[in-house]
Protein backbone atom coordinates (compact mmCIF):
# COMPACT_ATOMS: atom_id res chain seq x y z
CA UNK A 1 0.00 0.00 0.00
CA UNK A 2 2.77 2.45 0.91
CA UNK A 3 4.69 1.40 -2.23
CA UNK A 4 1.63 2.03 -4.38
CA UNK A 5 0.77 5.42 -2.87
CA UNK A 6 4.25 6.92 -2.57
CA UNK A 7 5.97 5.36 -5.59
CA UNK A 8 3.45 4.23 -8.18
CA UNK A 9 0.99 7.07 -7.59
CA UNK A 10 2.85 10.07 -6.18
CA UNK A 11 6.34 9.56 -7.63
CA UNK A 12 4.97 8.29 -10.93
CA UNK A 13 2.86 11.41 -11.31
CA UNK A 14 5.45 14.01 -10.24
CA UNK A 15 8.75 12.35 -11.25
CA UNK A 16 9.34 14.94 -13.99
CA UNK A 17 9.31 17.70 -11.39
CA UNK A 18 12.66 18.82 -10.05
CA UNK A 19 11.55 18.44 -6.44
CA UNK A 20 13.87 16.97 -3.85
CA UNK A 21 11.05 15.31 -1.92
CA UNK A 22 9.75 13.62 -5.05
CA UNK A 23 13.21 12.38 -6.04
CA UNK A 24 13.67 10.92 -2.58
CA UNK A 25 10.59 8.74 -3.10
CA UNK A 26 12.47 6.84 -5.79
CA UNK A 27 13.98 4.76 -2.97
CA UNK A 28 10.66 2.94 -2.56
CA UNK A 29 11.29 0.95 -5.73
CA UNK A 30 14.15 -0.94 -4.02
CA UNK A 31 13.09 -4.15 -2.32
CA UNK A 32 15.97 -3.92 0.17
CA UNK A 33 14.67 -0.58 1.47
CA UNK A 34 11.12 -1.84 1.82
CA UNK A 35 12.29 -5.07 3.46
CA UNK A 36 14.15 -3.13 6.14
CA UNK A 37 11.11 -1.00 6.93
CA UNK A 38 8.78 -4.00 6.79
CA UNK A 39 10.91 -5.57 9.52
CA UNK A 40 10.77 -2.42 11.63
CA UNK A 41 7.03 -2.02 11.08
CA UNK A 42 6.28 -5.62 12.09
CA UNK A 43 8.47 -5.23 15.18
CA UNK A 44 6.70 -2.02 16.21
CA UNK A 45 3.25 -3.52 15.60
CA UNK A 46 4.14 -6.47 17.82
CA UNK A 47 5.43 -4.24 20.60
CA UNK A 48 2.51 -1.84 20.30
CA UNK A 49 -0.30 -4.40 20.42
CA UNK A 50 1.38 -7.20 22.38
CA UNK A 51 0.52 -5.88 25.83
CA UNK A 52 -3.09 -5.21 24.86
CA UNK A 53 -3.42 -8.70 23.38
CA UNK A 54 -2.06 -10.32 26.55
CA UNK A 55 -4.54 -8.34 28.66
CA UNK A 56 -7.37 -9.45 26.39
CA UNK A 57 -6.33 -13.11 26.51
CA UNK A 58 -6.25 -12.97 30.32
CA UNK A 59 -9.64 -11.28 30.42
CA UNK A 60 -11.10 -13.96 28.14
CA UNK A 61 -9.44 -16.67 30.24
CA UNK A 62 -7.52 -18.10 27.29
CA UNK A 63 -4.75 -19.94 29.13
CA UNK A 64 -2.31 -22.69 28.27
CA UNK A 65 -3.31 -26.30 28.95
CA UNK A 66 -0.44 -28.55 30.10
CA UNK A 67 -0.09 -32.27 29.40
CA UNK A 68 -0.09 -34.31 32.60
CA UNK A 69 2.68 -36.58 31.26
CA UNK A 70 4.92 -33.62 30.44
CA UNK A 71 7.77 -32.26 32.56
CA UNK A 72 6.47 -31.35 35.99
CA UNK A 73 8.19 -27.96 35.83
CA UNK A 74 5.71 -26.94 33.15
CA UNK A 75 2.76 -27.18 35.54
CA UNK A 76 3.60 -23.70 36.79
CA UNK A 77 2.88 -22.41 33.27
CA UNK A 78 -0.72 -23.60 33.34
CA UNK A 79 -3.04 -20.69 32.64
CA UNK A 80 -0.41 -18.50 30.91
CA UNK A 81 -2.15 -16.68 28.03
CA UNK A 82 -1.84 -18.56 24.74
CA UNK A 83 -2.87 -18.02 21.10
CA UNK A 84 -0.37 -15.15 20.98
CA UNK A 85 0.44 -16.27 17.45
CA UNK A 86 -2.41 -14.00 16.38
CA UNK A 87 -0.01 -11.13 17.14
CA UNK A 88 2.70 -12.63 14.92
CA UNK A 89 0.37 -13.31 12.00
CA UNK A 90 -1.30 -9.91 12.28
CA UNK A 91 2.02 -8.04 12.42
CA UNK A 92 3.46 -9.95 9.46
CA UNK A 93 0.40 -9.60 7.26
CA UNK A 94 -0.12 -5.94 8.17
CA UNK A 95 3.49 -5.03 7.50
CA UNK A 96 3.58 -6.99 4.24
CA UNK A 97 0.45 -5.29 2.94
CA UNK A 98 1.97 -1.92 3.76
CA UNK A 99 5.40 -2.39 2.16
CA UNK A 100 5.15 -5.08 -0.55
CA UNK A 101 4.00 -4.70 -4.13
CA UNK A 102 0.51 -6.10 -3.95
CA UNK A 103 0.48 -6.98 -7.66
CA UNK A 104 2.74 -9.94 -6.86
CA UNK A 105 0.89 -13.27 -6.97
CA UNK A 106 3.65 -14.80 -4.85
CA UNK A 107 2.99 -12.33 -2.05
CA UNK A 108 -0.71 -13.21 -2.00
CA UNK A 109 0.12 -16.91 -2.18
CA UNK A 110 2.32 -16.83 0.93
CA UNK A 111 -0.04 -14.45 2.76
CA UNK A 112 -3.08 -16.67 2.16
CA UNK A 113 -1.13 -19.86 2.95
CA UNK A 114 0.04 -18.32 6.23
CA UNK A 115 -3.51 -17.31 7.14
CA UNK A 116 -4.86 -20.79 6.33
CA UNK A 117 -2.18 -22.58 8.34
CA UNK A 118 -2.88 -20.11 11.14
CA UNK A 119 -6.60 -20.86 10.88
CA UNK A 120 -5.91 -24.58 11.39
CA UNK A 121 -3.86 -23.74 14.47
CA UNK A 122 -6.55 -21.33 15.68
CA UNK A 123 -9.16 -24.09 15.47
CA UNK A 124 -6.87 -26.42 17.39
CA UNK A 125 -6.26 -23.84 20.12
CA UNK A 126 -9.95 -22.97 20.28
CA UNK A 127 -10.98 -26.58 20.89
CA UNK A 128 -8.33 -26.87 23.60
CA UNK A 129 -9.82 -23.86 25.36
CA UNK A 130 -13.39 -25.07 24.85
CA UNK A 131 -12.64 -28.54 26.23
CA UNK A 132 -10.13 -27.30 28.84
CA UNK A 133 -7.66 -30.00 27.87
CA UNK A 134 -4.27 -30.21 26.15
CA UNK A 135 -5.63 -31.87 22.99
CA UNK A 136 -7.63 -29.97 20.39
CA UNK A 137 -8.07 -31.19 16.82
CA UNK A 138 -7.07 -34.77 16.14
CA UNK A 139 -3.82 -35.43 14.30
CA UNK A 140 -5.74 -36.55 11.20
CA UNK A 141 -7.84 -33.39 11.17
CA UNK A 142 -4.76 -31.15 11.34
CA UNK A 143 -2.93 -33.14 8.68
CA UNK A 144 -5.95 -32.99 6.37
CA UNK A 145 -6.14 -29.22 6.71
CA UNK A 146 -2.41 -28.85 6.09
CA UNK A 147 -2.63 -31.18 3.10
CA UNK A 148 -5.39 -29.08 1.52
CA UNK A 149 -3.34 -25.89 1.91
CA UNK A 150 -0.27 -27.56 0.38
CA UNK A 151 -2.33 -28.75 -2.59
CA UNK A 152 -3.70 -25.21 -2.91
CA UNK A 153 -0.18 -23.78 -3.20
CA UNK A 154 0.60 -26.32 -5.93
CA UNK A 155 -2.63 -25.45 -7.79
CA UNK A 156 -1.64 -21.77 -7.84
CA UNK A 157 1.78 -22.62 -9.29
CA UNK A 158 0.26 -25.05 -11.79
CA UNK A 159 -2.26 -22.48 -13.03
CA UNK A 160 0.38 -19.76 -13.29
CA UNK A 161 2.64 -22.06 -15.29
CA UNK A 162 -0.02 -23.50 -17.59
CA UNK A 163 -2.25 -20.51 -18.28
CA UNK A 164 -0.27 -17.35 -17.46
CA UNK A 165 3.14 -18.15 -18.97
CA UNK A 166 4.90 -18.12 -15.61
CA UNK A 167 8.42 -19.53 -15.78
CA UNK A 168 8.14 -21.45 -12.51
CA UNK A 169 10.16 -24.57 -13.23
CA UNK A 170 9.35 -28.02 -11.93
CA UNK A 171 12.98 -28.80 -11.18
CA UNK A 172 14.48 -29.60 -7.78
CA UNK A 173 17.33 -27.25 -6.86
CA UNK A 174 19.82 -29.25 -4.81
CA UNK A 175 22.59 -27.52 -2.80
CA UNK A 176 26.18 -28.17 -3.93
CA UNK A 177 25.01 -29.31 -7.38
CA UNK A 178 25.01 -26.27 -9.64
CA UNK A 179 23.58 -28.20 -12.59
CA UNK A 180 20.27 -28.50 -10.73
CA UNK A 181 19.74 -24.74 -11.03
CA UNK A 182 18.95 -25.28 -14.73
CA UNK A 183 15.14 -25.30 -15.11
CA UNK A 184 15.40 -27.93 -17.85
CA UNK A 185 18.27 -29.88 -16.33
CA UNK A 186 18.53 -33.38 -14.94
CA UNK A 187 16.59 -32.51 -11.78
CA UNK A 188 13.36 -31.74 -13.66
CA UNK A 189 10.62 -33.91 -12.09
CA UNK A 190 7.45 -32.42 -13.57
CA UNK A 191 4.45 -30.83 -11.82
CA UNK A 192 2.89 -34.00 -10.39
CA UNK A 193 5.97 -35.33 -8.64
CA UNK A 194 6.55 -31.76 -7.50
CA UNK A 195 3.17 -31.86 -5.78
CA UNK A 196 4.52 -34.62 -3.52
CA UNK A 197 7.57 -32.49 -2.72
CA UNK A 198 5.42 -29.47 -1.86
CA UNK A 199 3.26 -31.59 0.45
CA UNK A 200 6.31 -32.97 2.25
CA UNK A 201 7.91 -29.53 2.63
CA UNK A 202 4.81 -27.70 3.87
CA UNK A 203 3.57 -30.41 6.21
CA UNK A 204 7.08 -31.06 7.46
CA UNK A 205 7.92 -27.42 8.15
CA UNK A 206 4.61 -26.54 9.82
CA UNK A 207 4.70 -29.56 12.13
CA UNK A 208 8.41 -29.15 12.86
CA UNK A 209 7.89 -25.60 14.15
CA UNK A 210 4.88 -26.82 16.11
CA UNK A 211 6.99 -29.50 17.82
CA UNK A 212 9.75 -26.99 18.62
CA UNK A 213 7.32 -24.69 20.41
CA UNK A 214 7.69 -26.16 23.90
CA UNK A 215 9.94 -23.82 25.87
CA UNK A 216 9.77 -20.10 26.56
CA UNK A 217 11.33 -18.22 23.65
CA UNK A 218 12.63 -21.33 21.86
CA UNK A 219 10.53 -21.56 18.68
CA UNK A 220 10.32 -17.82 18.07
CA UNK A 221 14.04 -17.17 18.54
CA UNK A 222 14.91 -20.00 16.16
CA UNK A 223 12.31 -18.60 13.75
CA UNK A 224 14.04 -15.22 13.78
CA UNK A 225 17.39 -16.77 12.84
CA UNK A 226 15.88 -19.02 10.15
CA UNK A 227 13.81 -16.20 8.62
CA UNK A 228 16.80 -13.86 8.58
CA UNK A 229 18.78 -16.43 6.59
CA UNK A 230 15.78 -17.12 4.34
CA UNK A 231 15.45 -13.39 3.69
CA UNK A 232 18.98 -13.42 2.30
CA UNK A 233 18.32 -16.47 0.12
CA UNK A 234 15.08 -14.98 -1.20
CA UNK A 235 16.72 -11.71 -2.18
CA UNK A 236 19.69 -13.41 -3.87
CA UNK A 237 17.46 -15.82 -5.80
CA UNK A 238 15.28 -12.95 -7.05
CA UNK A 239 18.18 -10.76 -8.22
CA UNK A 240 19.44 -11.76 -11.69
CA UNK A 241 23.03 -10.67 -11.08
CA UNK A 242 23.44 -12.49 -7.77
CA UNK A 243 21.55 -15.58 -8.95
CA UNK A 244 23.79 -15.83 -12.03
CA UNK A 245 26.97 -15.25 -10.04
CA UNK A 246 26.06 -17.75 -7.30
CA UNK A 247 24.43 -20.18 -9.76
CA UNK A 248 21.08 -20.19 -8.00
CA UNK A 249 17.71 -20.87 -9.62
CA UNK A 250 16.66 -17.35 -10.60
CA UNK A 251 13.19 -16.47 -9.30
CA UNK A 252 12.44 -12.84 -10.32
CA UNK A 253 8.81 -13.15 -9.17
CA UNK A 254 10.04 -13.93 -5.66
CA UNK A 255 11.54 -10.46 -5.10
CA UNK A 256 8.58 -9.24 -3.06
CA UNK A 257 8.78 -12.31 -0.84
CA UNK A 258 11.88 -10.68 0.62
CA UNK A 259 9.57 -8.09 2.16
CA UNK A 260 7.42 -10.84 3.68
CA UNK A 261 10.46 -12.63 5.12
CA UNK A 262 11.75 -9.39 6.60
CA UNK A 263 8.35 -8.76 8.17
CA UNK A 264 8.37 -12.26 9.70
CA UNK A 265 11.83 -11.65 11.16
CA UNK A 266 10.70 -8.35 12.67
CA UNK A 267 7.51 -9.84 14.08
CA UNK A 268 9.54 -12.66 15.63
CA UNK A 269 11.66 -10.16 17.55
CA UNK A 270 8.56 -8.30 18.68
CA UNK A 271 6.90 -11.47 19.94
CA UNK A 272 10.12 -12.58 21.64
CA UNK A 273 9.86 -9.43 23.78
CA UNK A 274 6.83 -11.03 25.47
CA UNK A 275 7.75 -14.69 25.00
CA UNK A 276 11.26 -14.52 26.50
CA UNK A 277 11.63 -16.54 29.74
CA UNK A 278 9.51 -16.34 31.79
CA UNK A 279 6.95 -16.07 29.01
CA UNK A 280 4.03 -13.68 29.38
CA UNK A 281 2.27 -15.32 26.43
CA UNK A 282 2.62 -18.43 24.27
CA UNK A 283 2.16 -18.44 20.50
CA UNK A 284 -0.05 -21.54 20.47
CA UNK A 285 -0.69 -23.62 17.37
CA UNK A 286 -2.10 -20.57 15.61
CA UNK A 287 1.43 -19.16 15.67
CA UNK A 288 3.57 -22.26 15.19
CA UNK A 289 1.57 -23.71 12.30
CA UNK A 290 1.38 -20.30 10.58
CA UNK A 291 5.14 -19.75 10.93
CA UNK A 292 5.99 -23.23 9.71
CA UNK A 293 3.59 -22.94 6.80
CA UNK A 294 5.03 -19.56 5.84
CA UNK A 295 8.61 -20.84 5.95
CA UNK A 296 7.72 -23.87 3.83
CA UNK A 297 5.78 -21.81 1.28
CA UNK A 298 8.63 -19.32 0.86
CA UNK A 299 11.07 -22.21 0.40
CA UNK A 300 8.88 -23.70 -2.34
CA UNK A 301 8.37 -20.40 -4.17
CA UNK A 302 12.10 -19.59 -4.11
CA UNK A 303 13.26 -23.13 -4.98
CA UNK A 304 15.04 -23.56 -1.63
CA UNK A 305 13.24 -26.72 -0.51
CA UNK A 306 16.39 -28.70 0.22
CA UNK A 307 18.27 -25.72 1.62
CA UNK A 308 15.44 -25.43 4.15
CA UNK A 309 16.79 -28.56 5.84
CA UNK A 310 19.88 -26.58 6.80
CA UNK A 311 18.29 -23.16 7.31
CA UNK A 312 15.80 -24.69 9.76
CA UNK A 313 18.21 -27.27 11.15
CA UNK A 314 16.91 -26.99 14.73
CA UNK A 315 13.34 -27.55 13.56
CA UNK A 316 14.51 -30.61 11.62
CA UNK A 317 16.33 -32.06 14.64
CA UNK A 318 13.28 -31.58 16.85
CA UNK A 319 10.97 -33.30 14.36
CA UNK A 320 13.50 -36.06 13.69
CA UNK A 321 13.77 -36.84 17.41
CA UNK A 322 10.02 -37.54 17.51
CA UNK A 323 10.16 -39.74 14.40
CA UNK A 324 13.08 -41.74 15.79
CA UNK A 325 11.44 -42.09 19.20
CA UNK A 326 8.22 -43.45 17.73
CA UNK A 327 10.02 -45.67 15.22
CA UNK A 328 12.38 -47.26 17.74
CA UNK A 329 9.57 -47.77 20.26
CA UNK A 330 7.34 -49.55 17.75
CA UNK A 331 10.18 -51.65 16.33
CA UNK A 332 11.43 -52.83 19.73
CA UNK A 333 7.91 -53.51 20.95
CA UNK A 334 7.25 -55.66 17.91
CA UNK A 335 10.52 -57.61 18.25
CA UNK A 336 10.94 -57.87 22.02
CA UNK A 337 7.46 -57.19 23.33
CA UNK A 338 8.72 -54.23 25.35
CA UNK A 339 9.02 -50.84 23.71
CA UNK A 340 12.26 -48.97 24.28
CA UNK A 341 12.93 -45.27 23.88
CA UNK A 342 15.94 -43.46 22.45
CA UNK A 343 15.23 -40.33 24.49
CA UNK A 344 13.69 -39.76 27.89
CA UNK A 345 11.05 -37.61 26.23
CA UNK A 346 10.48 -35.94 22.88
CA UNK A 347 10.65 -33.46 21.23
CA UNK A 348 14.37 -33.27 21.97
CA UNK A 349 14.23 -30.18 24.20
CA UNK A 350 12.14 -32.17 26.69
CA UNK A 351 14.85 -34.85 26.82
CA UNK A 352 17.31 -32.28 28.14
CA UNK A 353 14.70 -31.00 30.58
CA UNK A 354 14.43 -34.51 31.99
CA UNK A 355 18.20 -34.41 32.51
CA UNK A 356 17.76 -31.37 34.78
CA UNK A 357 18.99 -28.78 32.30
CA UNK A 358 17.53 -25.37 33.06
CA UNK A 359 15.04 -24.14 30.51
CA UNK A 360 17.01 -20.99 29.70
CA UNK A 361 20.18 -23.04 29.06
CA UNK A 362 18.34 -25.29 26.61
CA UNK A 363 16.89 -22.30 24.76
CA UNK A 364 20.22 -20.51 24.44
CA UNK A 365 22.08 -23.64 23.33
CA UNK A 366 19.45 -24.41 20.70
CA UNK A 367 19.68 -20.77 19.60
CA UNK A 368 23.45 -21.17 19.15
CA UNK A 369 22.75 -24.23 17.00
CA UNK A 370 20.24 -22.22 14.94
CA UNK A 371 22.83 -19.50 14.30
CA UNK A 372 25.37 -22.15 13.30
CA UNK A 373 22.93 -23.77 10.86
CA UNK A 374 22.11 -20.36 9.36
CA UNK A 375 25.79 -19.54 8.84
CA UNK A 376 26.44 -22.96 7.31
CA UNK A 377 23.52 -22.53 4.93
CA UNK A 378 24.78 -19.11 3.82
CA UNK A 379 28.27 -20.52 3.31
CA UNK A 380 26.91 -22.98 0.74
CA UNK A 381 26.23 -20.08 -1.62
CA UNK A 382 29.84 -20.33 -2.78
CA UNK A 383 29.97 -24.13 -2.66
CA UNK A 384 28.26 -24.92 -5.93
C-alpha cells in the first residue's frame, strides 16, 4: 500500500518535477529498502499491540493447557495466556500489505497460505480452550487441513505455469550441485511429482515448528534466525546478477517475498519481547503452524526446498527426534514385546529438561545451534 501510494501514484505522477522530496521517493522501488522497513514495522506492531493482546487473553481466560505426562516444571505455566500467534500473524500480514508490491501473486500466495495454516492452528487452540484439555483437533484433522493448503499452493503454481506463462520450473534445486539450477536440467521432475515435494515440505515445516514450540522463547528465537537467513536467500534468488553469479535458480517473481520474510523476522523479535523466559504469552498452534507454513511456502516459491533442511536445522532435529522415538519404540515392541525409547522424552528439548537442564540453558544452546545452521547454509552459496 505504501509502495503504491508513494511510488506508483505520487512519484509516478510528479517524477518529472525537479523536487527533492519527489526524487527521494524513488527509494521505494528498491526491495531492500522496503524489506528493512517492513521488519521495523512488524516489530513495532508487535510491541505496540502485544501488551493489549495479553490483557485481552487474560480477560477472556484463554490460558495454556499442560499435558499431565509432560515435565512437571511446566505445571507452573498452566493458565499463561496462549494463542499469541495472532499477534505474529497480524504483524506480518499488516506489514507486508503496507510495504510489498501487492500486484505480486507470490505475495498473495504466501499471505493466504500463512492465514490458512494459522486458521488450522486457531481451530486447534480454540478446541483446547473449549474442552479445557491439552488436545484440540485430532492429528488426522490437522494433517488434512495442512494437506489441503499444500495442494492449494501447488494449484496456484500449476495455473500460473499452464495458463499465465509463468516460468516457474518443476525442477528440484539441490545444494552443492550447480547443474540443478537449470530449469530444464537433470533434476526436472514435472508438476505432479513436484506436488509430492510441496506436500512434504509444507507439512514437514509446519509440524516441525509446532513440535519446537515447547519452551519459553525457543521456537520464536529460532524462527528469527531461520527467517533472517531465508530473507537473504530470497533476495539473492530474485536478483538476476546475484543468482547468475552464485548459480542459483533465478526467481524474479520472488523479489517481493523478501519483504514478507523481513516482516516475519521483525515480528519474531517483537513477539520474543513477550515470550522470553519467563513467558508472558505463548504463541499456540495458531502461531507455530502459521510460521511453519510460511517458511515452507517461501522455500517452495524460491526453490530452496532442500536448503530449508539446513536453514531450519533446529526444527529438523526436533521433528526427527520424535520420528526416531516413535520408530524405535514400535520396532522394539514388535521384536521384544517391550518398547524402548531413544530419548527420555520428545521433542528433543524435553529430553534435556528430563536431565535437569535449566530451561534458559536449553533455549540458548538451541539458539546457538540455529545460528550455526544459518551460517552454514549461507556458506553454501559459494559451494556450488
